[in-house]
Amino acid sequence: MVDDDRDIRDALCELLEDEGYRAVSASNGQEALVYLNSREPPCVILLDLMMPVMDGWEFRRRQQSDPRWSQIPVVVITAAGKYGASSIAAEQILPKPLQLDRVLEALAQYC
């Protein structure tokens, strides 16, 4: 889970763990890259787009350019709407506010 909003990160990670998933979070793309460099890759990345330090678009470009991580599916979660997210190559785009059932459906496809 990569999102700069701590409340969203914490709440979603807690809900996902309640559903049996192991969830980890990062507050921006740079933190997410550090995580990917130091741990086993996740089965999916939930990615916000509008973040400080490194936004979701830049994170996705770097993720796709590294063969170790390029195959990890990305589900974009954004308040920018589908138009704002249309330039990013993601498996799915989910609008904020998030609907938990849609997040769980997306995770079930990749995890």
PDB file of N, CA and C in Angstrom:
ATOM      1  N   MET A   1       0.843  -1.170   0.000  1.00  0.00           N
ATOM      2  CA  MET A   1       0.000   0.000   0.000  1.00  0.00           C
ATOM      3  C   MET A   1       0.889   1.235   0.000  1.00  0.00           C
ATOM      4  N   VAL A   2       0.807   2.034  -1.050  1.00  0.00           N
ATOM      5  CA  VAL A   2       1.623   3.241  -1.158  1.00  0.00           C
ATOM      6  C   VAL A   2       0.675   4.437  -1.238  1.00  0.00           C
ATOM      7  N   ASP A   3       0.639   5.210  -0.139  1.00  0.00           N
ATOM      8  CA  ASP A   3      -0.258   6.361  -0.074  1.00  0.00           C
ATOM      9  C   ASP A   3       0.296   7.330   0.955  1.00  0.00           C
ATOM     10  N   ASP A   4       0.251   8.617   0.661  1.00  0.00           N
ATOM     11  CA  ASP A   4       0.785   9.599   1.598  1.00  0.00           C
ATOM     12  C   ASP A   4      -0.167   9.906   2.743  1.00  0.00           C
ATOM     13  N   ASP A   5      -1.413   9.505   2.655  1.00  0.00           N
ATOM     14  CA  ASP A   5      -2.387   9.750   3.712  1.00  0.00           C
ATOM     15  C   ASP A   5      -2.301   8.636   4.755  1.00  0.00           C
ATOM     16  N   ARG A   6      -1.742   8.966   5.900  1.00  0.00           N
ATOM     17  CA  ARG A   6      -1.513   7.973   6.951  1.00  0.00           C
ATOM     18  C   ARG A   6      -2.809   7.285   7.389  1.00  0.00           C
ATOM     19  N   ASP A   7      -3.883   8.046   7.515  1.00  0.00           N
ATOM     20  CA  ASP A   7      -5.152   7.452   7.952  1.00  0.00           C
ATOM     21  C   ASP A   7      -5.643   6.406   6.958  1.00  0.00           C
ATOM     22  N   ILE A   8      -5.549   6.700   5.667  1.00  0.00           N
ATOM     23  CA  ILE A   8      -5.965   5.740   4.641  1.00  0.00           C
ATOM     24  C   ILE A   8      -5.068   4.505   4.689  1.00  0.00           C
ATOM     25  N   ARG A   9      -3.754   4.732   4.758  1.00  0.00           N
ATOM     26  CA  ARG A   9      -2.808   3.599   4.818  1.00  0.00           C
ATOM     27  C   ARG A   9      -3.108   2.694   6.003  1.00  0.00           C
ATOM     28  N   ASP A  10      -3.209   3.296   7.174  1.00  0.00           N
ATOM     29  CA  ASP A  10      -3.412   2.502   8.389  1.00  0.00           C
ATOM     30  C   ASP A  10      -4.741   1.756   8.353  1.00  0.00           C
ATOM     31  N   ALA A  11      -5.800   2.445   7.960  1.00  0.00           N
ATOM     32  CA  ALA A  11      -7.118   1.818   7.930  1.00  0.00           C
ATOM     33  C   ALA A  11      -7.172   0.686   6.915  1.00  0.00           C
ATOM     34  N   LEU A  12      -6.641   0.926   5.726  1.00  0.00           N
ATOM     35  CA  LEU A  12      -6.703  -0.107   4.698  1.00  0.00           C
ATOM     36  C   LEU A  12      -5.822  -1.298   5.066  1.00  0.00           C
ATOM     37  N   CYS A  13      -4.641  -1.051   5.591  1.00  0.00           N
ATOM     38  CA  CYS A  13      -3.776  -2.160   6.001  1.00  0.00           C
ATOM     39  C   CYS A  13      -4.444  -2.989   7.096  1.00  0.00           C
ATOM     40  N   GLU A  14      -5.081  -2.327   8.041  1.00  0.00           N
ATOM     41  CA  GLU A  14      -5.768  -3.047   9.118  1.00  0.00           C
ATOM     42  C   GLU A  14      -6.922  -3.891   8.564  1.00  0.00           C
ATOM     43  N   LEU A  15      -7.686  -3.301   7.664  1.00  0.00           N
ATOM     44  CA  LEU A  15      -8.796  -4.054   7.059  1.00  0.00           C
ATOM     45  C   LEU A  15      -8.296  -5.247   6.254  1.00  0.00           C
ATOM     46  N   LEU A  16      -7.212  -5.050   5.513  1.00  0.00           N
ATOM     47  CA  LEU A  16      -6.669  -6.148   4.711  1.00  0.00           C
ATOM     48  C   LEU A  16      -6.135  -7.261   5.608  1.00  0.00           C
ATOM     49  N   GLU A  17      -5.486  -6.890   6.689  1.00  0.00           N
ATOM     50  CA  GLU A  17      -4.994  -7.906   7.617  1.00  0.00           C
ATOM     51  C   GLU A  17      -6.153  -8.660   8.266  1.00  0.00           C
ATOM     52  N   ASP A  18      -7.256  -7.965   8.548  1.00  0.00           N
ATOM     53  CA  ASP A  18      -8.450  -8.628   9.082  1.00  0.00           C
ATOM     54  C   ASP A  18      -9.005  -9.640   8.082  1.00  0.00           C
ATOM     55  N   GLU A  19      -8.760  -9.395   6.797  1.00  0.00           N
ATOM     56  CA  GLU A  19      -9.221 -10.311   5.741  1.00  0.00           C
ATOM     57  C   GLU A  19      -8.207 -11.421   5.454  1.00  0.00           C
ATOM     58  N   GLY A  20      -7.093 -11.430   6.190  1.00  0.00           N
ATOM     59  CA  GLY A  20      -6.116 -12.506   6.038  1.00  0.00           C
ATOM     60  C   GLY A  20      -4.907 -12.174   5.181  1.00  0.00           C
ATOM     61  N   TYR A  21      -4.811 -10.954   4.697  1.00  0.00           N
ATOM     62  CA  TYR A  21      -3.657 -10.543   3.901  1.00  0.00           C
ATOM     63  C   TYR A  21      -2.567 -10.005   4.814  1.00  0.00           C
ATOM     64  N   ARG A  22      -1.325 -10.131   4.377  1.00  0.00           N
ATOM     65  CA  ARG A  22      -0.220  -9.458   5.054  1.00  0.00           C
ATOM     66  C   ARG A  22      -0.008  -8.148   4.307  1.00  0.00           C
ATOM     67  N   ALA A  23      -0.191  -7.041   4.995  1.00  0.00           N
ATOM     68  CA  ALA A  23      -0.122  -5.734   4.356  1.00  0.00           C
ATOM     69  C   ALA A  23       1.031  -4.924   4.932  1.00  0.00           C
ATOM     70  N   VAL A  24       1.730  -4.236   4.051  1.00  0.00           N
ATOM     71  CA  VAL A  24       2.776  -3.293   4.458  1.00  0.00           C
ATOM     72  C   VAL A  24       2.495  -1.987   3.728  1.00  0.00           C
ATOM     73  N   SER A  25       3.042  -0.897   4.264  1.00  0.00           N
ATOM     74  CA  SER A  25       2.733   0.386   3.649  1.00  0.00           C
ATOM     75  C   SER A  25       3.971   1.262   3.520  1.00  0.00           C
ATOM     76  N   ALA A  26       3.854   2.199   2.593  1.00  0.00           N
ATOM     77  CA  ALA A  26       4.878   3.217   2.367  1.00  0.00           C
ATOM     78  C   ALA A  26       4.151   4.531   2.126  1.00  0.00           C
ATOM     79  N   SER A  27       4.773   5.641   2.535  1.00  0.00           N
ATOM     80  CA  SER A  27       4.096   6.933   2.417  1.00  0.00           C
ATOM     81  C   SER A  27       4.365   7.658   1.097  1.00  0.00           C
ATOM     82  N   ASN A  28       5.246   7.098   0.268  1.00  0.00           N
ATOM     83  CA  ASN A  28       5.501   7.683  -1.050  1.00  0.00           C
ATOM     84  C   ASN A  28       6.250   6.661  -1.904  1.00  0.00           C
ATOM     85  N   GLY A  29       6.433   6.996  -3.168  1.00  0.00           N
ATOM     86  CA  GLY A  29       7.089   6.073  -4.085  1.00  0.00           C
ATOM     87  C   GLY A  29       8.516   5.742  -3.707  1.00  0.00           C
ATOM     88  N   GLN A  30       9.239   6.705  -3.177  1.00  0.00           N
ATOM     89  CA  GLN A  30      10.625   6.446  -2.790  1.00  0.00           C
ATOM     90  C   GLN A  30      10.697   5.409  -1.670  1.00  0.00           C
ATOM     91  N   GLU A  31       9.845   5.532  -0.662  1.00  0.00           N
ATOM     92  CA  GLU A  31       9.806   4.533   0.406  1.00  0.00           C
ATOM     93  C   GLU A  31       9.432   3.158  -0.142  1.00  0.00           C
ATOM     94  N   ALA A  32       8.529   3.134  -1.101  1.00  0.00           N
ATOM     95  CA  ALA A  32       8.119   1.863  -1.697  1.00  0.00           C
ATOM     96  C   ALA A  32       9.284   1.203  -2.439  1.00  0.00           C
ATOM     97  N   LEU A  33      10.103   1.987  -3.137  1.00  0.00           N
ATOM     98  CA  LEU A  33      11.270   1.423  -3.821  1.00  0.00           C
ATOM     99  C   LEU A  33      12.281   0.871  -2.825  1.00  0.00           C
ATOM    100  N   VAL A  34      12.473   1.570  -1.716  1.00  0.00           N
ATOM    101  CA  VAL A  34      13.367   1.074  -0.667  1.00  0.00           C
ATOM    102  C   VAL A  34      12.850  -0.267  -0.157  1.00  0.00           C
ATOM    103  N   TYR A  35      11.556  -0.368   0.062  1.00  0.00           N
ATOM    104  CA  TYR A  35      10.951  -1.623   0.512  1.00  0.00           C
ATOM    105  C   TYR A  35      11.211  -2.729  -0.520  1.00  0.00           C
ATOM    106  N   LEU A  36      10.937  -2.446  -1.788  1.00  0.00           N
ATOM    107  CA  LEU A  36      11.123  -3.467  -2.826  1.00  0.00           C
ATOM    108  C   LEU A  36      12.571  -3.939  -2.893  1.00  0.00           C
ATOM    109  N   ASN A  37      13.502  -3.048  -2.621  1.00  0.00           N
ATOM    110  CA  ASN A  37      14.923  -3.395  -2.651  1.00  0.00           C
ATOM    111  C   ASN A  37      15.342  -4.283  -1.496  1.00  0.00           C
ATOM    112  N   SER A  38      14.565  -4.302  -0.432  1.00  0.00           N
ATOM    113  CA  SER A  38      15.015  -4.981   0.779  1.00  0.00           C
ATOM    114  C   SER A  38      14.171  -6.170   1.201  1.00  0.00           C
ATOM    115  N   ARG A  39      13.106  -6.459   0.512  1.00  0.00           N
ATOM    116  CA  ARG A  39      12.201  -7.520   0.942  1.00  0.00           C
ATOM    117  C   ARG A  39      11.725  -8.342  -0.253  1.00  0.00           C
ATOM    118  N   GLU A  40      11.015  -9.409   0.071  1.00  0.00           N
ATOM    119  CA  GLU A  40      10.364 -10.199  -0.984  1.00  0.00           C
ATOM    120  C   GLU A  40       9.301  -9.334  -1.657  1.00  0.00           C
ATOM    121  N   PRO A  41       9.148  -9.450  -2.960  1.00  0.00           N
ATOM    122  CA  PRO A  41       8.154  -8.617  -3.640  1.00  0.00           C
ATOM    123  C   PRO A  41       6.729  -9.006  -3.234  1.00  0.00           C
ATOM    124  N   PRO A  42       5.842  -8.037  -3.176  1.00  0.00           N
ATOM    125  CA  PRO A  42       4.441  -8.324  -2.853  1.00  0.00           C
ATOM    126  C   PRO A  42       3.727  -8.935  -4.052  1.00  0.00           C
ATOM    127  N   CYS A  43       2.553  -9.492  -3.807  1.00  0.00           N
ATOM    128  CA  CYS A  43       1.769 -10.061  -4.906  1.00  0.00           C
ATOM    129  C   CYS A  43       1.049  -8.971  -5.701  1.00  0.00           C
ATOM    130  N   VAL A  44       0.870  -7.797  -5.098  1.00  0.00           N
ATOM    131  CA  VAL A  44       0.224  -6.667  -5.765  1.00  0.00           C
ATOM    132  C   VAL A  44       0.622  -5.389  -5.023  1.00  0.00           C
ATOM    133  N   ILE A  45       0.605  -4.285  -5.750  1.00  0.00           N
ATOM    134  CA  ILE A  45       0.875  -2.970  -5.155  1.00  0.00           C
ATOM    135  C   ILE A  45      -0.372  -2.116  -5.327  1.00  0.00           C
ATOM    136  N   LEU A  46      -0.879  -1.594  -4.206  1.00  0.00           N
ATOM    137  CA  LEU A  46      -1.946  -0.600  -4.243  1.00  0.00           C
ATOM    138  C   LEU A  46      -1.258   0.758  -4.227  1.00  0.00           C
ATOM    139  N   LEU A  47      -1.484   1.559  -5.239  1.00  0.00           N
ATOM    140  CA  LEU A  47      -0.683   2.762  -5.458  1.00  0.00           C
ATOM    141  C   LEU A  47      -1.527   4.012  -5.624  1.00  0.00           C
ATOM    142  N   ASP A  48      -1.313   4.968  -4.731  1.00  0.00           N
ATOM    143  CA  ASP A  48      -1.879   6.311  -4.893  1.00  0.00           C
ATOM    144  C   ASP A  48      -1.017   7.034  -5.930  1.00  0.00           C
ATOM    145  N   LEU A  49      -1.563   8.044  -6.556  1.00  0.00           N
ATOM    146  CA  LEU A  49      -0.799   8.774  -7.569  1.00  0.00           C
ATOM    147  C   LEU A  49      -0.230  10.080  -7.051  1.00  0.00           C
ATOM    148  N   MET A  50      -1.026  10.848  -6.356  1.00  0.00           N
ATOM    149  CA  MET A  50      -0.612  12.185  -5.939  1.00  0.00           C
ATOM    150  C   MET A  50       0.008  12.122  -4.542  1.00  0.00           C
ATOM    151  N   MET A  51       1.348  12.121  -4.513  1.00  0.00           N
ATOM    152  CA  MET A  51       2.103  12.036  -3.259  1.00  0.00           C
ATOM    153  C   MET A  51       3.326  12.930  -3.361  1.00  0.00           C
ATOM    154  N   PRO A  52       3.798  13.424  -2.221  1.00  0.00           N
ATOM    155  CA  PRO A  52       5.049  14.181  -2.212  1.00  0.00           C
ATOM    156  C   PRO A  52       6.251  13.240  -2.338  1.00  0.00           C
ATOM    157  N   VAL A  53       7.413  13.780  -2.473  1.00  0.00           N
ATOM    158  CA  VAL A  53       8.706  13.085  -2.579  1.00  0.00           C
ATOM    159  C   VAL A  53       8.800  12.346  -3.909  1.00  0.00           C
ATOM    160  N   MET A  54       8.013  11.292  -4.099  1.00  0.00           N
ATOM    161  CA  MET A  54       7.944  10.601  -5.388  1.00  0.00           C
ATOM    162  C   MET A  54       6.492  10.189  -5.611  1.00  0.00           C
ATOM    163  N   ASP A  55       5.886  10.726  -6.671  1.00  0.00           N
ATOM    164  CA  ASP A  55       4.481  10.420  -6.938  1.00  0.00           C
ATOM    165  C   ASP A  55       4.324   9.027  -7.559  1.00  0.00           C
ATOM    166  N   GLY A  56       3.090   8.624  -7.728  1.00  0.00           N
ATOM    167  CA  GLY A  56       2.795   7.298  -8.249  1.00  0.00           C
ATOM    168  C   GLY A  56       3.250   7.082  -9.677  1.00  0.00           C
ATOM    169  N   TRP A  57       3.194   8.109 -10.507  1.00  0.00           N
ATOM    170  CA  TRP A  57       3.629   7.970 -11.894  1.00  0.00           C
ATOM    171  C   TRP A  57       5.128   7.664 -11.955  1.00  0.00           C
ATOM    172  N   GLU A  58       5.917   8.405 -11.185  1.00  0.00           N
ATOM    173  CA  GLU A  58       7.367   8.173 -11.181  1.00  0.00           C
ATOM    174  C   GLU A  58       7.696   6.808 -10.574  1.00  0.00           C
ATOM    175  N   PHE A  59       7.017   6.452  -9.502  1.00  0.00           N
ATOM    176  CA  PHE A  59       7.231   5.129  -8.922  1.00  0.00           C
ATOM    177  C   PHE A  59       6.969   4.048  -9.964  1.00  0.00           C
ATOM    178  N   ARG A  60       5.850   4.162 -10.671  1.00  0.00           N
ATOM    179  CA  ARG A  60       5.482   3.139 -11.664  1.00  0.00           C
ATOM    180  C   ARG A  60       6.521   3.066 -12.778  1.00  0.00           C
ATOM    181  N   ARG A  61       7.038   4.218 -13.230  1.00  0.00           N
ATOM    182  CA  ARG A  61       8.072   4.197 -14.273  1.00  0.00           C
ATOM    183  C   ARG A  61       9.301   3.421 -13.781  1.00  0.00           C
ATOM    184  N   ARG A  62       9.713   3.698 -12.561  1.00  0.00           N
ATOM    185  CA  ARG A  62      10.892   3.015 -12.017  1.00  0.00           C
ATOM    186  C   ARG A  62      10.615   1.536 -11.764  1.00  0.00           C
ATOM    187  N   GLN A  63       9.439   1.236 -11.284  1.00  0.00           N
ATOM    188  CA  GLN A  63       9.075  -0.163 -11.051  1.00  0.00           C
ATOM    189  C   GLN A  63       9.106  -0.941 -12.366  1.00  0.00           C
ATOM    190  N   GLN A  64       8.537  -0.381 -13.398  1.00  0.00           N
ATOM    191  CA  GLN A  64       8.488  -1.066 -14.690  1.00  0.00           C
ATOM    192  C   GLN A  64       9.862  -1.209 -15.334  1.00  0.00           C
ATOM    193  N   SER A  65      10.788  -0.329 -15.005  1.00  0.00           N
ATOM    194  CA  SER A  65      12.113  -0.400 -15.625  1.00  0.00           C
ATOM    195  C   SER A  65      13.035  -1.411 -14.945  1.00  0.00           C
ATOM    196  N   ASP A  66      12.618  -1.962 -13.834  1.00  0.00           N
ATOM    197  CA  ASP A  66      13.448  -2.924 -13.110  1.00  0.00           C
ATOM    198  C   ASP A  66      12.852  -4.325 -13.288  1.00  0.00           C
ATOM    199  N   PRO A  67      13.581  -5.238 -13.910  1.00  0.00           N
ATOM    200  CA  PRO A  67      13.030  -6.572 -14.169  1.00  0.00           C
ATOM    201  C   PRO A  67      12.654  -7.344 -12.899  1.00  0.00           C
ATOM    202  N   ARG A  68      13.237  -6.993 -11.772  1.00  0.00           N
ATOM    203  CA  ARG A  68      12.870  -7.674 -10.519  1.00  0.00           C
ATOM    204  C   ARG A  68      11.456  -7.330 -10.082  1.00  0.00           C
ATOM    205  N   TRP A  69      10.962  -6.182 -10.475  1.00  0.00           N
ATOM    206  CA  TRP A  69       9.677  -5.692  -9.981  1.00  0.00           C
ATOM    207  C   TRP A  69       8.649  -5.440 -11.077  1.00  0.00           C
ATOM    208  N   SER A  70       9.058  -5.483 -12.314  1.00  0.00           N
ATOM    209  CA  SER A  70       8.176  -5.044 -13.401  1.00  0.00           C
ATOM    210  C   SER A  70       6.925  -5.905 -13.552  1.00  0.00           C
ATOM    211  N   GLN A  71       6.968  -7.134 -13.089  1.00  0.00           N
ATOM    212  CA  GLN A  71       5.808  -8.018 -13.237  1.00  0.00           C
ATOM    213  C   GLN A  71       4.831  -7.938 -12.064  1.00  0.00           C
ATOM    214  N   ILE A  72       5.136  -7.143 -11.041  1.00  0.00           N
ATOM    215  CA  ILE A  72       4.216  -7.001  -9.916  1.00  0.00           C
ATOM    216  C   ILE A  72       3.016  -6.176 -10.383  1.00  0.00           C
ATOM    217  N   PRO A  73       1.810  -6.720 -10.282  1.00  0.00           N
ATOM    218  CA  PRO A  73       0.636  -5.962 -10.709  1.00  0.00           C
ATOM    219  C   PRO A  73       0.409  -4.736  -9.825  1.00  0.00           C
ATOM    220  N   VAL A  74      -0.102  -3.683 -10.444  1.00  0.00           N
ATOM    221  CA  VAL A  74      -0.379  -2.432  -9.739  1.00  0.00           C
ATOM    222  C   VAL A  74      -1.858  -2.096  -9.882  1.00  0.00           C
ATOM    223  N   VAL A  75      -2.474  -1.817  -8.745  1.00  0.00           N
ATOM    224  CA  VAL A  75      -3.848  -1.320  -8.709  1.00  0.00           C
ATOM    225  C   VAL A  75      -3.767   0.110  -8.195  1.00  0.00           C
ATOM    226  N   VAL A  76      -4.140   1.050  -9.032  1.00  0.00           N
ATOM    227  CA  VAL A  76      -4.093   2.459  -8.665  1.00  0.00           C
ATOM    228  C   VAL A  76      -5.338   2.802  -7.857  1.00  0.00           C
ATOM    229  N   ILE A  77      -5.098   3.501  -6.746  1.00  0.00           N
ATOM    230  CA  ILE A  77      -6.192   4.046  -5.940  1.00  0.00           C
ATOM    231  C   ILE A  77      -6.004   5.557  -5.936  1.00  0.00           C
ATOM    232  N   THR A  78      -7.000   6.275  -6.439  1.00  0.00           N
ATOM    233  CA  THR A  78      -6.774   7.709  -6.643  1.00  0.00           C
ATOM    234  C   THR A  78      -8.054   8.523  -6.558  1.00  0.00           C
ATOM    235  N   ALA A  79      -7.875   9.752  -6.132  1.00  0.00           N
ATOM    236  CA  ALA A  79      -8.964  10.729  -6.169  1.00  0.00           C
ATOM    237  C   ALA A  79      -8.935  11.498  -7.487  1.00  0.00           C
ATOM    238  N   ALA A  80      -7.925  11.252  -8.316  1.00  0.00           N
ATOM    239  CA  ALA A  80      -7.775  11.969  -9.583  1.00  0.00           C
ATOM    240  C   ALA A  80      -8.763  11.484 -10.636  1.00  0.00           C
ATOM    241  N   GLY A  81      -9.428  10.392 -10.397  1.00  0.00           N
ATOM    242  CA  GLY A  81     -10.364   9.854 -11.361  1.00  0.00           C
ATOM    243  C   GLY A  81      -9.647   9.109 -12.472  1.00  0.00           C
ATOM    244  N   LYS A  82     -10.415   8.411 -13.286  1.00  0.00           N
ATOM    245  CA  LYS A  82      -9.811   7.609 -14.354  1.00  0.00           C
ATOM    246  C   LYS A  82      -9.065   8.469 -15.353  1.00  0.00           C
ATOM    247  N   TYR A  83      -9.541   9.695 -15.605  1.00  0.00           N
ATOM    248  CA  TYR A  83      -8.852  10.560 -16.553  1.00  0.00           C
ATOM    249  C   TYR A  83      -7.450  10.883 -16.047  1.00  0.00           C
ATOM    250  N   GLY A  84      -7.344  11.234 -14.791  1.00  0.00           N
ATOM    251  CA  GLY A  84      -6.048  11.565 -14.212  1.00  0.00           C
ATOM    252  C   GLY A  84      -5.112  10.381 -14.140  1.00  0.00           C
ATOM    253  N   ALA A  85      -5.670   9.179 -14.091  1.00  0.00           N
ATOM    254  CA  ALA A  85      -4.868   7.974 -13.975  1.00  0.00           C
ATOM    255  C   ALA A  85      -4.688   7.264 -15.317  1.00  0.00           C
ATOM    256  N   SER A  86      -5.258   7.801 -16.368  1.00  0.00           N
ATOM    257  CA  SER A  86      -5.231   7.102 -17.653  1.00  0.00           C
ATOM    258  C   SER A  86      -3.836   6.958 -18.238  1.00  0.00           C
ATOM    259  N   SER A  87      -2.899   7.793 -17.841  1.00  0.00           N
ATOM    260  CA  SER A  87      -1.553   7.731 -18.419  1.00  0.00           C
ATOM    261  C   SER A  87      -0.656   6.712 -17.731  1.00  0.00           C
ATOM    262  N   ILE A  88      -1.135   6.036 -16.713  1.00  0.00           N
ATOM    263  CA  ILE A  88      -0.316   5.072 -15.996  1.00  0.00           C
ATOM    264  C   ILE A  88      -0.752   3.665 -16.397  1.00  0.00           C
ATOM    265  N   ALA A  89       0.220   2.817 -16.614  1.00  0.00           N
ATOM    266  CA  ALA A  89      -0.083   1.433 -16.985  1.00  0.00           C
ATOM    267  C   ALA A  89      -0.361   0.643 -15.710  1.00  0.00           C
ATOM    268  N   ALA A  90      -1.635   0.475 -15.401  1.00  0.00           N
ATOM    269  CA  ALA A  90      -2.033  -0.256 -14.199  1.00  0.00           C
ATOM    270  C   ALA A  90      -3.051  -1.313 -14.584  1.00  0.00           C
ATOM    271  N   GLU A  91      -3.078  -2.368 -13.793  1.00  0.00           N
ATOM    272  CA  GLU A  91      -4.040  -3.424 -14.052  1.00  0.00           C
ATOM    273  C   GLU A  91      -5.467  -2.948 -13.780  1.00  0.00           C
ATOM    274  N   GLN A  92      -5.616  -2.125 -12.752  1.00  0.00           N
ATOM    275  CA  GLN A  92      -6.932  -1.583 -12.415  1.00  0.00           C
ATOM    276  C   GLN A  92      -6.766  -0.181 -11.833  1.00  0.00           C
ATOM    277  N   ILE A  93      -7.845   0.600 -11.920  1.00  0.00           N
ATOM    278  CA  ILE A  93      -7.894   1.921 -11.306  1.00  0.00           C
ATOM    279  C   ILE A  93      -9.146   1.960 -10.439  1.00  0.00           C
ATOM    280  N   LEU A  94      -8.945   2.177  -9.144  1.00  0.00           N
ATOM    281  CA  LEU A  94     -10.061   2.260  -8.209  1.00  0.00           C
ATOM    282  C   LEU A  94     -10.150   3.687  -7.682  1.00  0.00           C
ATOM    283  N   PRO A  95     -11.336   4.290  -7.761  1.00  0.00           N
ATOM    284  CA  PRO A  95     -11.483   5.672  -7.289  1.00  0.00           C
ATOM    285  C   PRO A  95     -11.586   5.750  -5.767  1.00  0.00           C
ATOM    286  N   LYS A  96     -11.086   6.864  -5.231  1.00  0.00           N
ATOM    287  CA  LYS A  96     -11.323   7.189  -3.823  1.00  0.00           C
ATOM    288  C   LYS A  96     -12.615   7.989  -3.758  1.00  0.00           C
ATOM    289  N   PRO A  97     -13.413   7.851  -2.737  1.00  0.00           N
ATOM    290  CA  PRO A  97     -13.206   6.974  -1.594  1.00  0.00           C
ATOM    291  C   PRO A  97     -13.332   5.510  -2.008  1.00  0.00           C
ATOM    292  N   LEU A  98     -12.485   4.700  -1.402  1.00  0.00           N
ATOM    293  CA  LEU A  98     -12.417   3.287  -1.762  1.00  0.00           C
ATOM    294  C   LEU A  98     -13.624   2.518  -1.260  1.00  0.00           C
ATOM    295  N   GLN A  99     -14.011   1.547  -2.077  1.00  0.00           N
ATOM    296  CA  GLN A  99     -15.024   0.582  -1.669  1.00  0.00           C
ATOM    297  C   GLN A  99     -14.279  -0.707  -1.362  1.00  0.00           C
ATOM    298  N   LEU A 100     -14.339  -1.151  -0.117  1.00  0.00           N
ATOM    299  CA  LEU A 100     -13.565  -2.293   0.320  1.00  0.00           C
ATOM    300  C   LEU A 100     -13.826  -3.531  -0.532  1.00  0.00           C
ATOM    301  N   ASP A 101     -15.063  -3.757  -0.937  1.00  0.00           N
ATOM    302  CA  ASP A 101     -15.354  -4.944  -1.745  1.00  0.00           C
ATOM    303  C   ASP A 101     -14.606  -4.916  -3.074  1.00  0.00           C
ATOM    304  N   ARG A 102     -14.446  -3.743  -3.665  1.00  0.00           N
ATOM    305  CA  ARG A 102     -13.697  -3.640  -4.931  1.00  0.00           C
ATOM    306  C   ARG A 102     -12.213  -3.872  -4.716  1.00  0.00           C
ATOM    307  N   VAL A 103     -11.675  -3.389  -3.585  1.00  0.00           N
ATOM    308  CA  VAL A 103     -10.261  -3.630  -3.259  1.00  0.00           C
ATOM    309  C   VAL A 103     -10.035  -5.119  -3.056  1.00  0.00           C
ATOM    310  N   LEU A 104     -10.928  -5.768  -2.319  1.00  0.00           N
ATOM    311  CA  LEU A 104     -10.786  -7.207  -2.062  1.00  0.00           C
ATOM    312  C   LEU A 104     -10.910  -8.022  -3.357  1.00  0.00           C
ATOM    313  N   GLU A 105     -11.788  -7.616  -4.250  1.00  0.00           N
ATOM    314  CA  GLU A 105     -11.900  -8.294  -5.552  1.00  0.00           C
ATOM    315  C   GLU A 105     -10.604  -8.175  -6.329  1.00  0.00           C
ATOM    316  N   ALA A 106     -10.011  -6.986  -6.318  1.00  0.00           N
ATOM    317  CA  ALA A 106      -8.739  -6.788  -7.030  1.00  0.00           C
ATOM    318  C   ALA A 106      -7.642  -7.648  -6.413  1.00  0.00           C
ATOM    319  N   LEU A 107      -7.548  -7.659  -5.099  1.00  0.00           N
ATOM    320  CA  LEU A 107      -6.520  -8.466  -4.436  1.00  0.00           C
ATOM    321  C   LEU A 107      -6.701  -9.949  -4.717  1.00  0.00           C
ATOM    322  N   ALA A 108      -7.928 -10.396  -4.752  1.00  0.00           N
ATOM    323  CA  ALA A 108      -8.193 -11.814  -5.009  1.00  0.00           C
ATOM    324  C   ALA A 108      -7.695 -12.240  -6.389  1.00  0.00           C
ATOM    325  N   GLN A 109      -7.637 -11.307  -7.315  1.00  0.00           N
ATOM    326  CA  GLN A 109      -7.153 -11.635  -8.663  1.00  0.00           C
ATOM    327  C   GLN A 109      -5.647 -11.851  -8.689  1.00  0.00           C
ATOM    328  N   TYR A 110      -4.905 -11.199  -7.793  1.00  0.00           N
ATOM    329  CA  TYR A 110      -3.448 -11.211  -7.878  1.00  0.00           C
ATOM    330  C   TYR A 110      -2.761 -11.904  -6.713  1.00  0.00           C
ATOM    331  N   CYS A 111      -3.462 -12.149  -5.620  1.00  0.00           N
ATOM    332  CA  CYS A 111      -2.834 -12.761  -4.436  1.00  0.00           C
ATOM    333  C   CYS A 111      -3.461 -14.118  -4.141  1.00  0.00           C
TER     334      CYS A 111
END
